[in-house]
């Protein structure tokens, strides 16, 4: 399996659409003579994704694409912008074309798009932030309720579909499980009235101090 196939296998629709958007931005920049700093920049990439209806922060995935797979490299970086160049743009273009040669399952295609749109990383970050505070405030409790009632339900619906495709969407499945675990711990923490003491780790605070769910009223 080549690096691009491996990337697409692990990260599914997100990787496909980020690479596709980066390719289109690169081609547009070259046509307009704007490729002096690189093939594509962060802002243009995000705008391209939004034009397709995809609200997604590609920062973490770009790090993976650059550091782990070497498909791009940073060509320019300042305090307010960052540009990348493809190490082999023709190889990436060919690989993406090959990945869509055969007619695909429309339900799987839709699922990949839904996963690309859902930002599980943001949910995990927000829950982790709540759990690592020394004292949980009413604002934190309100945020937790928003996550549990608004953010998690659509993620779980997509998760249930993703489990039907084996390991193809394993990254999304793993992150969803982590988000659920963090949400459970945060809910127990709020319900029980315990607070995280300074110097404790997240695991010590939650796993060793919280009562079991059966004892929560």
N, C-alpha and C. Protein backbone atom coordinates (compact mmCIF):
# COMPACT_ATOMS: atom_id res chain seq x y z
N UNK A 1 0.85 -1.19 0.00
CA UNK A 1 0.00 0.00 0.00
C UNK A 1 0.89 1.25 0.00
N UNK A 2 0.66 2.15 -0.97
CA UNK A 2 1.48 3.36 -1.01
C UNK A 2 1.01 4.36 0.05
N UNK A 3 1.81 5.40 0.33
CA UNK A 3 1.47 6.34 1.40
C UNK A 3 0.10 6.99 1.25
N UNK A 4 -0.29 7.32 0.02
CA UNK A 4 -1.58 7.98 -0.18
C UNK A 4 -2.72 7.02 0.08
N UNK A 5 -2.58 5.78 -0.36
CA UNK A 5 -3.61 4.77 -0.09
C UNK A 5 -3.73 4.54 1.41
N UNK A 6 -2.59 4.51 2.10
CA UNK A 6 -2.59 4.32 3.55
C UNK A 6 -3.28 5.49 4.25
N UNK A 7 -2.97 6.71 3.80
CA UNK A 7 -3.59 7.90 4.37
C UNK A 7 -5.10 7.86 4.18
N UNK A 8 -5.55 7.55 2.97
CA UNK A 8 -6.98 7.51 2.68
C UNK A 8 -7.66 6.39 3.45
N UNK A 9 -6.96 5.28 3.65
CA UNK A 9 -7.52 4.17 4.40
C UNK A 9 -7.74 4.53 5.86
N UNK A 10 -6.79 5.27 6.43
CA UNK A 10 -6.87 5.62 7.85
C UNK A 10 -7.79 6.80 8.12
N UNK A 11 -7.78 7.79 7.22
CA UNK A 11 -8.51 9.03 7.50
C UNK A 11 -9.71 9.25 6.58
N UNK A 12 -9.94 8.35 5.65
CA UNK A 12 -11.15 8.36 4.85
C UNK A 12 -11.45 9.66 4.13
N UNK A 13 -12.71 10.08 4.21
CA UNK A 13 -13.19 11.25 3.48
C UNK A 13 -12.48 12.54 3.82
N UNK A 14 -12.08 12.68 5.09
CA UNK A 14 -11.38 13.91 5.48
C UNK A 14 -10.10 14.09 4.67
N UNK A 15 -9.31 13.01 4.59
CA UNK A 15 -8.04 13.09 3.85
C UNK A 15 -8.30 13.32 2.37
N UNK A 16 -9.30 12.65 1.83
CA UNK A 16 -9.60 12.80 0.41
C UNK A 16 -9.95 14.24 0.07
N UNK A 17 -10.86 14.83 0.85
CA UNK A 17 -11.32 16.17 0.52
C UNK A 17 -10.29 17.25 0.83
N UNK A 18 -9.46 17.04 1.85
CA UNK A 18 -8.38 18.00 2.12
C UNK A 18 -7.36 17.99 0.99
N UNK A 19 -6.97 16.79 0.54
CA UNK A 19 -6.02 16.70 -0.57
C UNK A 19 -6.63 17.24 -1.86
N UNK A 20 -7.88 16.91 -2.10
CA UNK A 20 -8.56 17.39 -3.32
C UNK A 20 -8.66 18.92 -3.31
N UNK A 21 -9.02 19.48 -2.15
CA UNK A 21 -9.11 20.94 -2.04
C UNK A 21 -7.75 21.58 -2.24
N UNK A 22 -6.72 20.99 -1.64
CA UNK A 22 -5.36 21.52 -1.79
C UNK A 22 -4.91 21.49 -3.25
N UNK A 23 -5.25 20.41 -3.96
CA UNK A 23 -4.90 20.31 -5.38
C UNK A 23 -5.59 21.39 -6.20
N UNK A 24 -6.88 21.60 -5.94
CA UNK A 24 -7.62 22.61 -6.70
C UNK A 24 -7.08 24.01 -6.42
N UNK A 25 -6.77 24.29 -5.15
CA UNK A 25 -6.21 25.60 -4.81
C UNK A 25 -4.86 25.77 -5.50
N UNK A 26 -4.04 24.72 -5.51
CA UNK A 26 -2.73 24.79 -6.16
C UNK A 26 -2.87 25.08 -7.65
N UNK A 27 -3.81 24.40 -8.30
CA UNK A 27 -4.01 24.61 -9.73
C UNK A 27 -4.52 26.02 -10.01
N UNK A 28 -5.43 26.51 -9.17
CA UNK A 28 -5.95 27.87 -9.35
C UNK A 28 -4.85 28.90 -9.13
N UNK A 29 -4.01 28.69 -8.12
CA UNK A 29 -2.91 29.62 -7.85
C UNK A 29 -1.93 29.67 -9.01
N UNK A 30 -1.65 28.52 -9.60
CA UNK A 30 -0.71 28.48 -10.72
C UNK A 30 -1.29 29.19 -11.94
N UNK A 31 -2.58 29.01 -12.17
CA UNK A 31 -3.23 29.68 -13.30
C UNK A 31 -3.21 31.19 -13.13
N UNK A 32 -3.34 31.66 -11.89
CA UNK A 32 -3.37 33.09 -11.62
C UNK A 32 -1.99 33.66 -11.30
N UNK A 33 -0.97 32.81 -11.32
CA UNK A 33 0.37 33.28 -11.02
C UNK A 33 0.59 33.63 -9.57
N UNK A 34 -0.11 32.92 -8.67
CA UNK A 34 -0.03 33.22 -7.24
C UNK A 34 0.73 32.15 -6.46
N UNK A 35 1.56 31.39 -7.15
CA UNK A 35 2.23 30.27 -6.49
C UNK A 35 3.64 30.59 -6.02
N UNK A 36 3.93 31.86 -5.86
CA UNK A 36 5.29 32.26 -5.48
C UNK A 36 5.69 31.70 -4.11
N UNK A 37 4.75 31.69 -3.16
CA UNK A 37 5.06 31.22 -1.81
C UNK A 37 4.85 29.71 -1.63
N UNK A 38 4.12 29.10 -2.56
CA UNK A 38 3.86 27.67 -2.44
C UNK A 38 2.67 27.26 -3.29
N UNK A 39 2.23 26.02 -3.11
CA UNK A 39 1.10 25.51 -3.89
C UNK A 39 -0.23 25.95 -3.31
N UNK A 40 -0.34 25.94 -1.99
CA UNK A 40 -1.61 26.32 -1.36
C UNK A 40 -1.33 26.85 0.04
N UNK A 41 -2.25 27.67 0.52
CA UNK A 41 -2.13 28.22 1.87
C UNK A 41 -3.34 27.79 2.70
N UNK A 42 -3.23 27.93 4.00
CA UNK A 42 -4.25 27.45 4.92
C UNK A 42 -5.61 28.13 4.67
N UNK A 43 -5.61 29.43 4.54
CA UNK A 43 -6.87 30.16 4.39
C UNK A 43 -7.61 29.74 3.13
N UNK A 44 -6.89 29.64 2.02
CA UNK A 44 -7.53 29.25 0.75
C UNK A 44 -8.06 27.82 0.82
N UNK A 45 -7.32 26.96 1.51
CA UNK A 45 -7.76 25.58 1.67
C UNK A 45 -9.08 25.51 2.43
N UNK A 46 -9.17 26.25 3.52
CA UNK A 46 -10.40 26.27 4.33
C UNK A 46 -11.56 26.84 3.52
N UNK A 47 -11.28 27.90 2.76
CA UNK A 47 -12.34 28.50 1.93
C UNK A 47 -12.84 27.51 0.89
N UNK A 48 -11.93 26.75 0.31
CA UNK A 48 -12.32 25.76 -0.70
C UNK A 48 -13.21 24.69 -0.07
N UNK A 49 -12.84 24.21 1.11
CA UNK A 49 -13.67 23.22 1.80
C UNK A 49 -15.05 23.77 2.12
N UNK A 50 -15.10 25.02 2.57
CA UNK A 50 -16.39 25.65 2.90
C UNK A 50 -17.25 25.79 1.66
N UNK A 51 -16.63 26.04 0.50
CA UNK A 51 -17.40 26.18 -0.74
C UNK A 51 -18.08 24.87 -1.11
N UNK A 52 -17.59 23.76 -0.58
CA UNK A 52 -18.21 22.44 -0.80
C UNK A 52 -19.16 22.07 0.32
N UNK A 53 -19.36 22.99 1.27
CA UNK A 53 -20.23 22.71 2.40
C UNK A 53 -19.55 21.94 3.52
N UNK A 54 -18.23 21.92 3.52
CA UNK A 54 -17.48 21.18 4.54
C UNK A 54 -16.86 22.16 5.53
N UNK A 55 -17.38 22.17 6.77
CA UNK A 55 -16.83 23.00 7.83
C UNK A 55 -15.85 22.14 8.61
N UNK A 56 -14.57 22.31 8.34
CA UNK A 56 -13.56 21.44 8.96
C UNK A 56 -12.25 22.18 9.11
N UNK A 57 -11.63 22.03 10.28
CA UNK A 57 -10.31 22.61 10.53
C UNK A 57 -9.26 21.57 10.17
N UNK A 58 -8.52 21.76 9.08
CA UNK A 58 -7.58 20.74 8.61
C UNK A 58 -6.20 20.78 9.25
N UNK A 59 -6.01 21.60 10.27
CA UNK A 59 -4.67 21.80 10.85
C UNK A 59 -4.01 20.49 11.26
N UNK A 60 -4.70 19.70 12.07
CA UNK A 60 -4.10 18.45 12.57
C UNK A 60 -3.83 17.47 11.44
N UNK A 61 -4.77 17.38 10.50
CA UNK A 61 -4.58 16.45 9.39
C UNK A 61 -3.42 16.88 8.50
N UNK A 62 -3.25 18.18 8.32
CA UNK A 62 -2.12 18.68 7.53
C UNK A 62 -0.79 18.30 8.17
N UNK A 63 -0.74 18.31 9.51
CA UNK A 63 0.47 17.90 10.21
C UNK A 63 0.78 16.44 9.91
N UNK A 64 -0.27 15.62 9.90
CA UNK A 64 -0.10 14.19 9.60
C UNK A 64 0.38 14.01 8.16
N UNK A 65 -0.26 14.72 7.24
CA UNK A 65 0.09 14.61 5.83
C UNK A 65 1.54 15.03 5.59
N UNK A 66 2.00 16.03 6.36
CA UNK A 66 3.36 16.52 6.18
C UNK A 66 4.39 15.68 6.94
N UNK A 67 4.14 15.45 8.23
CA UNK A 67 5.14 14.81 9.07
C UNK A 67 5.20 13.29 8.90
N UNK A 68 4.03 12.66 8.78
CA UNK A 68 4.00 11.19 8.73
C UNK A 68 4.07 10.64 7.31
N UNK A 69 3.51 11.40 6.35
CA UNK A 69 3.44 10.87 4.99
C UNK A 69 4.33 11.62 3.98
N UNK A 70 4.77 12.81 4.35
CA UNK A 70 5.68 13.54 3.48
C UNK A 70 5.10 13.93 2.13
N UNK A 71 3.78 14.08 2.06
CA UNK A 71 3.14 14.43 0.78
C UNK A 71 3.22 15.93 0.51
N UNK A 72 3.38 16.72 1.56
CA UNK A 72 3.56 18.17 1.42
C UNK A 72 4.66 18.60 2.37
N UNK A 73 5.18 19.80 2.16
CA UNK A 73 6.13 20.39 3.10
C UNK A 73 5.85 21.89 3.19
N UNK A 74 6.12 22.45 4.34
CA UNK A 74 5.90 23.88 4.55
C UNK A 74 6.92 24.67 3.73
N UNK A 75 6.41 25.59 2.90
CA UNK A 75 7.30 26.40 2.07
C UNK A 75 7.43 27.83 2.58
N UNK A 76 6.46 28.26 3.36
CA UNK A 76 6.51 29.62 3.93
C UNK A 76 5.64 29.66 5.17
N UNK A 77 6.14 30.35 6.18
CA UNK A 77 5.36 30.47 7.42
C UNK A 77 5.65 31.80 8.08
N UNK A 78 4.60 32.49 8.48
CA UNK A 78 4.73 33.75 9.20
C UNK A 78 3.73 33.73 10.35
N UNK A 79 3.58 34.86 11.01
CA UNK A 79 2.67 34.90 12.16
C UNK A 79 1.21 34.78 11.76
N UNK A 80 0.88 35.08 10.51
CA UNK A 80 -0.53 35.05 10.11
C UNK A 80 -0.84 34.24 8.85
N UNK A 81 0.15 33.53 8.32
CA UNK A 81 -0.15 32.68 7.17
C UNK A 81 0.86 31.55 7.05
N UNK A 82 0.43 30.51 6.35
CA UNK A 82 1.29 29.36 6.13
C UNK A 82 1.00 28.75 4.77
N UNK A 83 2.07 28.42 4.05
CA UNK A 83 1.96 27.84 2.72
C UNK A 83 2.66 26.48 2.69
N UNK A 84 2.14 25.60 1.82
CA UNK A 84 2.75 24.30 1.61
C UNK A 84 2.97 24.06 0.12
N UNK A 85 3.89 23.17 -0.20
CA UNK A 85 4.06 22.70 -1.57
C UNK A 85 3.94 21.18 -1.55
N UNK A 86 3.40 20.62 -2.62
CA UNK A 86 3.34 19.16 -2.76
C UNK A 86 4.74 18.66 -3.11
N UNK A 87 5.14 17.57 -2.49
CA UNK A 87 6.44 16.98 -2.83
C UNK A 87 6.37 16.29 -4.19
N UNK A 88 5.18 15.81 -4.56
CA UNK A 88 4.97 15.21 -5.88
C UNK A 88 3.49 15.38 -6.22
N UNK A 89 3.14 16.52 -6.79
CA UNK A 89 1.74 16.84 -7.02
C UNK A 89 1.09 15.89 -8.02
N UNK A 90 1.85 15.43 -9.01
CA UNK A 90 1.29 14.52 -10.01
C UNK A 90 0.92 13.18 -9.38
N UNK A 91 1.72 12.72 -8.42
CA UNK A 91 1.45 11.46 -7.74
C UNK A 91 0.16 11.56 -6.93
N UNK A 92 -0.01 12.67 -6.22
CA UNK A 92 -1.22 12.87 -5.41
C UNK A 92 -2.45 12.94 -6.31
N UNK A 93 -2.32 13.69 -7.40
CA UNK A 93 -3.45 13.83 -8.33
C UNK A 93 -3.86 12.49 -8.91
N UNK A 94 -2.88 11.70 -9.32
CA UNK A 94 -3.16 10.39 -9.91
C UNK A 94 -3.80 9.45 -8.88
N UNK A 95 -3.29 9.49 -7.65
CA UNK A 95 -3.82 8.62 -6.60
C UNK A 95 -5.28 8.95 -6.29
N UNK A 96 -5.61 10.24 -6.25
CA UNK A 96 -7.00 10.63 -5.98
C UNK A 96 -7.91 10.22 -7.13
N UNK A 97 -7.43 10.35 -8.34
CA UNK A 97 -8.23 9.94 -9.49
C UNK A 97 -8.46 8.43 -9.46
N UNK A 98 -7.42 7.68 -9.13
CA UNK A 98 -7.53 6.22 -9.06
C UNK A 98 -8.50 5.79 -7.97
N UNK A 99 -8.51 6.55 -6.86
CA UNK A 99 -9.38 6.17 -5.74
C UNK A 99 -10.84 6.34 -6.07
N UNK A 100 -11.15 7.09 -7.16
CA UNK A 100 -12.55 7.32 -7.53
C UNK A 100 -12.88 6.73 -8.90
N UNK A 101 -11.99 5.86 -9.42
CA UNK A 101 -12.23 5.28 -10.74
C UNK A 101 -13.47 4.40 -10.78
N UNK A 102 -13.63 3.54 -9.75
CA UNK A 102 -14.75 2.63 -9.74
C UNK A 102 -15.96 3.30 -9.09
N UNK A 103 -17.16 3.02 -9.61
CA UNK A 103 -18.35 3.59 -9.01
C UNK A 103 -18.43 3.20 -7.53
N UNK A 104 -18.61 4.15 -6.67
CA UNK A 104 -18.63 3.85 -5.24
C UNK A 104 -20.04 3.69 -4.70
N UNK A 105 -20.09 3.21 -3.49
CA UNK A 105 -21.35 3.08 -2.78
C UNK A 105 -21.79 4.47 -2.35
N UNK A 106 -22.94 4.96 -2.82
CA UNK A 106 -23.36 6.33 -2.48
C UNK A 106 -23.54 6.53 -0.98
N UNK A 107 -23.96 5.47 -0.27
CA UNK A 107 -24.12 5.60 1.18
C UNK A 107 -22.76 5.75 1.86
N UNK A 108 -21.77 5.01 1.36
CA UNK A 108 -20.43 5.13 1.92
C UNK A 108 -19.84 6.50 1.60
N UNK A 109 -20.10 6.99 0.40
CA UNK A 109 -19.62 8.31 0.00
C UNK A 109 -20.23 9.39 0.90
N UNK A 110 -21.53 9.28 1.15
CA UNK A 110 -22.20 10.24 2.03
C UNK A 110 -21.64 10.16 3.44
N UNK A 111 -21.39 8.93 3.90
CA UNK A 111 -20.83 8.74 5.23
C UNK A 111 -19.46 9.41 5.35
N UNK A 112 -18.63 9.27 4.33
CA UNK A 112 -17.30 9.88 4.33
C UNK A 112 -17.41 11.40 4.41
N UNK A 113 -18.40 11.96 3.70
CA UNK A 113 -18.60 13.41 3.74
C UNK A 113 -19.06 13.84 5.12
N UNK A 114 -19.98 13.08 5.71
CA UNK A 114 -20.48 13.41 7.05
C UNK A 114 -19.35 13.37 8.08
N UNK A 115 -18.48 12.38 7.97
CA UNK A 115 -17.35 12.29 8.89
C UNK A 115 -16.40 13.47 8.70
N UNK A 116 -16.24 13.89 7.45
CA UNK A 116 -15.37 15.03 7.17
C UNK A 116 -15.92 16.31 7.79
N UNK A 117 -17.23 16.42 7.84
CA UNK A 117 -17.87 17.63 8.35
C UNK A 117 -17.87 17.66 9.88
N UNK A 118 -18.08 16.49 10.51
CA UNK A 118 -18.14 16.43 11.97
C UNK A 118 -16.75 16.66 12.57
N UNK A 119 -16.69 17.52 13.57
CA UNK A 119 -15.39 17.84 14.19
C UNK A 119 -15.31 17.19 15.57
N UNK A 120 -14.97 15.90 15.57
CA UNK A 120 -14.87 15.17 16.83
C UNK A 120 -13.68 15.68 17.65
N UNK A 121 -12.62 16.11 16.98
CA UNK A 121 -11.44 16.63 17.68
C UNK A 121 -11.81 17.82 18.57
N UNK A 122 -12.69 18.67 18.07
CA UNK A 122 -13.11 19.84 18.84
C UNK A 122 -13.88 19.41 20.09
N UNK A 123 -14.76 18.42 19.94
CA UNK A 123 -15.53 17.92 21.08
C UNK A 123 -14.59 17.33 22.13
N UNK A 124 -13.63 16.54 21.70
CA UNK A 124 -12.66 15.94 22.63
C UNK A 124 -11.88 17.03 23.36
N UNK A 125 -11.45 18.05 22.63
CA UNK A 125 -10.67 19.13 23.23
C UNK A 125 -11.50 19.88 24.28
N UNK A 126 -12.77 20.14 23.97
CA UNK A 126 -13.63 20.87 24.91
C UNK A 126 -13.92 20.05 26.16
N UNK A 127 -14.16 18.75 26.00
CA UNK A 127 -14.41 17.89 27.14
C UNK A 127 -13.16 17.75 28.01
N UNK A 128 -12.01 17.61 27.37
CA UNK A 128 -10.76 17.51 28.11
C UNK A 128 -10.50 18.78 28.91
N UNK A 129 -10.82 19.92 28.30
CA UNK A 129 -10.65 21.20 28.99
C UNK A 129 -11.52 21.28 30.24
N UNK A 130 -12.75 20.81 30.12
CA UNK A 130 -13.66 20.82 31.27
C UNK A 130 -13.13 19.93 32.39
N UNK A 131 -12.66 18.75 32.01
CA UNK A 131 -12.21 17.76 33.00
C UNK A 131 -10.92 18.15 33.71
N UNK A 132 -10.12 18.98 33.09
CA UNK A 132 -8.82 19.33 33.70
C UNK A 132 -8.86 20.64 34.48
N UNK A 133 -10.02 21.23 34.60
CA UNK A 133 -10.12 22.45 35.41
C UNK A 133 -10.08 22.10 36.89
N UNK A 134 -9.57 23.02 37.71
CA UNK A 134 -9.53 22.79 39.15
C UNK A 134 -10.93 22.89 39.75
N UNK A 135 -11.77 23.69 39.12
CA UNK A 135 -13.14 23.83 39.61
C UNK A 135 -14.07 23.98 38.41
N UNK A 136 -15.14 23.22 38.39
CA UNK A 136 -16.09 23.28 37.28
C UNK A 136 -17.10 24.39 37.55
N UNK A 137 -17.19 25.32 36.64
CA UNK A 137 -18.06 26.48 36.79
C UNK A 137 -19.41 26.23 36.12
N UNK A 138 -20.40 27.09 36.41
CA UNK A 138 -21.69 26.98 35.72
C UNK A 138 -21.54 27.06 34.20
N UNK A 139 -20.55 27.84 33.75
CA UNK A 139 -20.29 27.95 32.31
C UNK A 139 -19.84 26.60 31.74
N UNK A 140 -19.00 25.91 32.51
CA UNK A 140 -18.53 24.58 32.09
C UNK A 140 -19.70 23.60 32.01
N UNK A 141 -20.58 23.67 33.00
CA UNK A 141 -21.74 22.77 33.02
C UNK A 141 -22.66 23.05 31.83
N UNK A 142 -22.82 24.33 31.50
CA UNK A 142 -23.64 24.69 30.35
C UNK A 142 -23.00 24.17 29.06
N UNK A 143 -21.68 24.30 28.96
CA UNK A 143 -20.98 23.81 27.77
C UNK A 143 -21.10 22.30 27.65
N UNK A 144 -21.01 21.61 28.77
CA UNK A 144 -21.15 20.16 28.75
C UNK A 144 -22.53 19.76 28.25
N UNK A 145 -23.55 20.48 28.70
CA UNK A 145 -24.92 20.17 28.25
C UNK A 145 -25.06 20.39 26.75
N UNK A 146 -24.45 21.45 26.24
CA UNK A 146 -24.50 21.71 24.79
C UNK A 146 -23.83 20.59 24.00
N UNK A 147 -22.70 20.12 24.52
CA UNK A 147 -21.98 19.04 23.84
C UNK A 147 -22.81 17.76 23.82
N UNK A 148 -23.37 17.42 24.99
CA UNK A 148 -24.11 16.16 25.11
C UNK A 148 -25.42 16.19 24.32
N UNK A 149 -26.10 17.33 24.34
CA UNK A 149 -27.42 17.41 23.68
C UNK A 149 -27.35 17.81 22.21
N UNK A 150 -26.32 18.58 21.83
CA UNK A 150 -26.26 19.09 20.46
C UNK A 150 -25.16 18.48 19.60
N UNK A 151 -23.96 18.34 20.17
CA UNK A 151 -22.81 17.89 19.37
C UNK A 151 -22.72 16.36 19.25
N UNK A 152 -22.94 15.67 20.34
CA UNK A 152 -22.75 14.22 20.33
C UNK A 152 -23.82 13.43 19.55
N UNK A 153 -25.10 13.79 19.62
CA UNK A 153 -26.11 12.99 18.91
C UNK A 153 -25.83 12.76 17.42
N UNK A 154 -25.51 13.81 16.63
CA UNK A 154 -25.22 13.54 15.22
C UNK A 154 -23.94 12.72 15.03
N UNK A 155 -22.97 12.91 15.92
CA UNK A 155 -21.74 12.12 15.85
C UNK A 155 -22.04 10.64 16.08
N UNK A 156 -22.91 10.36 17.04
CA UNK A 156 -23.26 8.97 17.34
C UNK A 156 -24.03 8.34 16.19
N UNK A 157 -24.90 9.09 15.55
CA UNK A 157 -25.65 8.55 14.41
C UNK A 157 -24.70 8.14 13.29
N UNK A 158 -23.72 8.97 13.02
CA UNK A 158 -22.73 8.66 11.98
C UNK A 158 -21.84 7.52 12.44
N UNK A 159 -21.50 7.50 13.72
CA UNK A 159 -20.67 6.43 14.28
C UNK A 159 -21.32 5.06 14.07
N UNK A 160 -22.62 4.97 14.31
CA UNK A 160 -23.32 3.70 14.15
C UNK A 160 -23.24 3.19 12.71
N UNK A 161 -23.27 4.10 11.76
CA UNK A 161 -23.13 3.71 10.35
C UNK A 161 -21.69 3.30 10.04
N UNK A 162 -20.75 4.05 10.62
CA UNK A 162 -19.33 3.80 10.33
C UNK A 162 -18.87 2.43 10.80
N UNK A 163 -19.49 1.90 11.88
CA UNK A 163 -19.09 0.60 12.40
C UNK A 163 -19.43 -0.53 11.43
N UNK A 164 -20.25 -0.26 10.44
CA UNK A 164 -20.61 -1.28 9.45
C UNK A 164 -19.55 -1.45 8.37
N UNK A 165 -18.52 -0.61 8.39
CA UNK A 165 -17.50 -0.64 7.34
C UNK A 165 -16.14 -1.13 7.85
N UNK A 166 -16.17 -1.93 8.90
CA UNK A 166 -14.94 -2.50 9.41
C UNK A 166 -13.97 -1.44 9.89
N UNK A 167 -12.71 -1.53 9.45
CA UNK A 167 -11.67 -0.62 9.91
C UNK A 167 -11.51 0.61 9.01
N UNK A 168 -12.38 0.74 8.01
CA UNK A 168 -12.22 1.83 7.05
C UNK A 168 -12.31 3.20 7.72
N UNK A 169 -13.17 3.31 8.72
CA UNK A 169 -13.34 4.59 9.42
C UNK A 169 -12.88 4.45 10.87
N UNK A 170 -11.82 3.67 11.08
CA UNK A 170 -11.35 3.37 12.43
C UNK A 170 -10.93 4.63 13.20
N UNK A 171 -10.35 5.60 12.52
CA UNK A 171 -9.92 6.83 13.20
C UNK A 171 -11.12 7.55 13.81
N UNK A 172 -12.18 7.70 13.02
CA UNK A 172 -13.40 8.36 13.49
C UNK A 172 -14.04 7.55 14.62
N UNK A 173 -14.11 6.24 14.45
CA UNK A 173 -14.73 5.38 15.46
C UNK A 173 -13.98 5.49 16.79
N UNK A 174 -12.66 5.45 16.73
CA UNK A 174 -11.85 5.55 17.94
C UNK A 174 -12.04 6.88 18.65
N UNK A 175 -12.09 7.95 17.88
CA UNK A 175 -12.26 9.28 18.49
C UNK A 175 -13.66 9.44 19.08
N UNK A 176 -14.65 8.84 18.44
CA UNK A 176 -16.02 8.92 18.98
C UNK A 176 -16.10 8.20 20.32
N UNK A 177 -15.48 7.04 20.41
CA UNK A 177 -15.45 6.30 21.67
C UNK A 177 -14.77 7.12 22.76
N UNK A 178 -13.69 7.80 22.40
CA UNK A 178 -12.98 8.64 23.37
C UNK A 178 -13.85 9.80 23.81
N UNK A 179 -14.56 10.41 22.87
CA UNK A 179 -15.45 11.53 23.20
C UNK A 179 -16.55 11.08 24.16
N UNK A 180 -17.12 9.90 23.91
CA UNK A 180 -18.17 9.37 24.78
C UNK A 180 -17.63 9.10 26.17
N UNK A 181 -16.44 8.56 26.26
CA UNK A 181 -15.85 8.26 27.56
C UNK A 181 -15.60 9.54 28.35
N UNK A 182 -15.08 10.56 27.66
CA UNK A 182 -14.84 11.84 28.32
C UNK A 182 -16.14 12.50 28.76
N UNK A 183 -17.18 12.39 27.92
CA UNK A 183 -18.48 12.97 28.27
C UNK A 183 -19.07 12.27 29.49
N UNK A 184 -18.92 10.95 29.54
CA UNK A 184 -19.42 10.19 30.70
C UNK A 184 -18.72 10.64 31.97
N UNK A 185 -17.41 10.76 31.91
CA UNK A 185 -16.65 11.18 33.09
C UNK A 185 -17.02 12.61 33.51
N UNK A 186 -17.19 13.48 32.53
CA UNK A 186 -17.56 14.86 32.86
C UNK A 186 -18.94 14.93 33.49
N UNK A 187 -19.88 14.13 32.97
CA UNK A 187 -21.25 14.11 33.51
C UNK A 187 -21.25 13.59 34.95
N UNK A 188 -20.47 12.55 35.19
CA UNK A 188 -20.37 12.00 36.54
C UNK A 188 -19.73 13.00 37.50
N UNK A 189 -18.75 13.70 37.00
CA UNK A 189 -18.05 14.69 37.81
C UNK A 189 -19.01 15.80 38.24
N UNK A 190 -19.80 16.28 37.30
CA UNK A 190 -20.76 17.35 37.59
C UNK A 190 -21.86 16.83 38.52
N UNK A 191 -22.37 15.64 38.22
CA UNK A 191 -23.48 15.08 38.99
C UNK A 191 -23.09 14.79 40.44
N UNK A 192 -21.88 14.31 40.64
CA UNK A 192 -21.44 13.92 41.98
C UNK A 192 -21.01 15.10 42.83
N UNK A 193 -20.66 16.21 42.18
CA UNK A 193 -20.22 17.38 42.92
C UNK A 193 -18.75 17.39 43.24
N UNK A 194 -17.99 16.37 42.79
CA UNK A 194 -16.55 16.36 43.00
C UNK A 194 -15.88 17.43 42.14
N UNK A 195 -14.73 17.85 42.57
CA UNK A 195 -13.95 18.82 41.82
C UNK A 195 -12.53 18.27 41.64
N UNK A 196 -11.87 18.71 40.59
CA UNK A 196 -10.50 18.27 40.34
C UNK A 196 -9.55 19.08 41.19
N UNK A 197 -8.76 18.43 42.01
CA UNK A 197 -7.82 19.12 42.88
C UNK A 197 -6.52 19.40 42.14
N UNK A 198 -5.88 20.50 42.49
CA UNK A 198 -4.63 20.87 41.85
C UNK A 198 -3.59 19.78 42.06
N UNK A 199 -2.89 19.42 41.00
CA UNK A 199 -1.84 18.41 41.10
C UNK A 199 -2.29 17.02 40.72
N UNK A 200 -3.60 16.79 40.65
CA UNK A 200 -4.08 15.48 40.26
C UNK A 200 -4.11 15.34 38.75
N UNK A 201 -3.93 14.13 38.29
CA UNK A 201 -4.07 13.86 36.88
C UNK A 201 -5.53 13.61 36.57
N UNK A 202 -5.88 13.67 35.30
CA UNK A 202 -7.25 13.43 34.88
C UNK A 202 -7.71 12.05 35.32
N UNK A 203 -6.86 11.04 35.13
CA UNK A 203 -7.24 9.68 35.50
C UNK A 203 -7.45 9.54 36.99
N UNK A 204 -6.56 10.13 37.80
CA UNK A 204 -6.70 10.05 39.25
C UNK A 204 -7.97 10.74 39.71
N UNK A 205 -8.25 11.89 39.13
CA UNK A 205 -9.40 12.68 39.53
C UNK A 205 -10.72 11.98 39.25
N UNK A 206 -10.81 11.38 38.06
CA UNK A 206 -12.08 10.80 37.66
C UNK A 206 -12.20 9.34 38.07
N UNK A 207 -11.23 8.53 37.70
CA UNK A 207 -11.36 7.09 37.86
C UNK A 207 -11.27 6.64 39.32
N UNK A 208 -10.48 7.34 40.14
CA UNK A 208 -10.31 6.87 41.51
C UNK A 208 -11.24 7.55 42.50
N UNK A 209 -11.80 8.72 42.14
CA UNK A 209 -12.59 9.46 43.12
C UNK A 209 -14.08 9.41 42.86
N UNK A 210 -14.48 9.27 41.61
CA UNK A 210 -15.91 9.31 41.32
C UNK A 210 -16.60 8.00 41.70
N UNK A 211 -17.83 8.09 42.21
CA UNK A 211 -18.59 6.88 42.47
C UNK A 211 -19.03 6.26 41.16
N UNK A 212 -19.44 5.01 41.21
CA UNK A 212 -19.90 4.35 40.00
C UNK A 212 -21.24 4.91 39.58
N UNK A 213 -21.62 4.78 38.29
CA UNK A 213 -22.89 5.33 37.81
C UNK A 213 -24.09 4.85 38.61
N UNK A 214 -24.05 3.61 39.13
CA UNK A 214 -25.20 3.07 39.87
C UNK A 214 -25.45 3.81 41.16
N UNK A 215 -24.44 4.50 41.68
CA UNK A 215 -24.60 5.22 42.94
C UNK A 215 -24.97 6.67 42.74
N UNK A 216 -25.02 7.11 41.49
CA UNK A 216 -25.38 8.50 41.21
C UNK A 216 -26.88 8.63 41.17
N UNK A 217 -27.40 9.62 41.86
CA UNK A 217 -28.84 9.87 41.85
C UNK A 217 -29.12 11.21 41.21
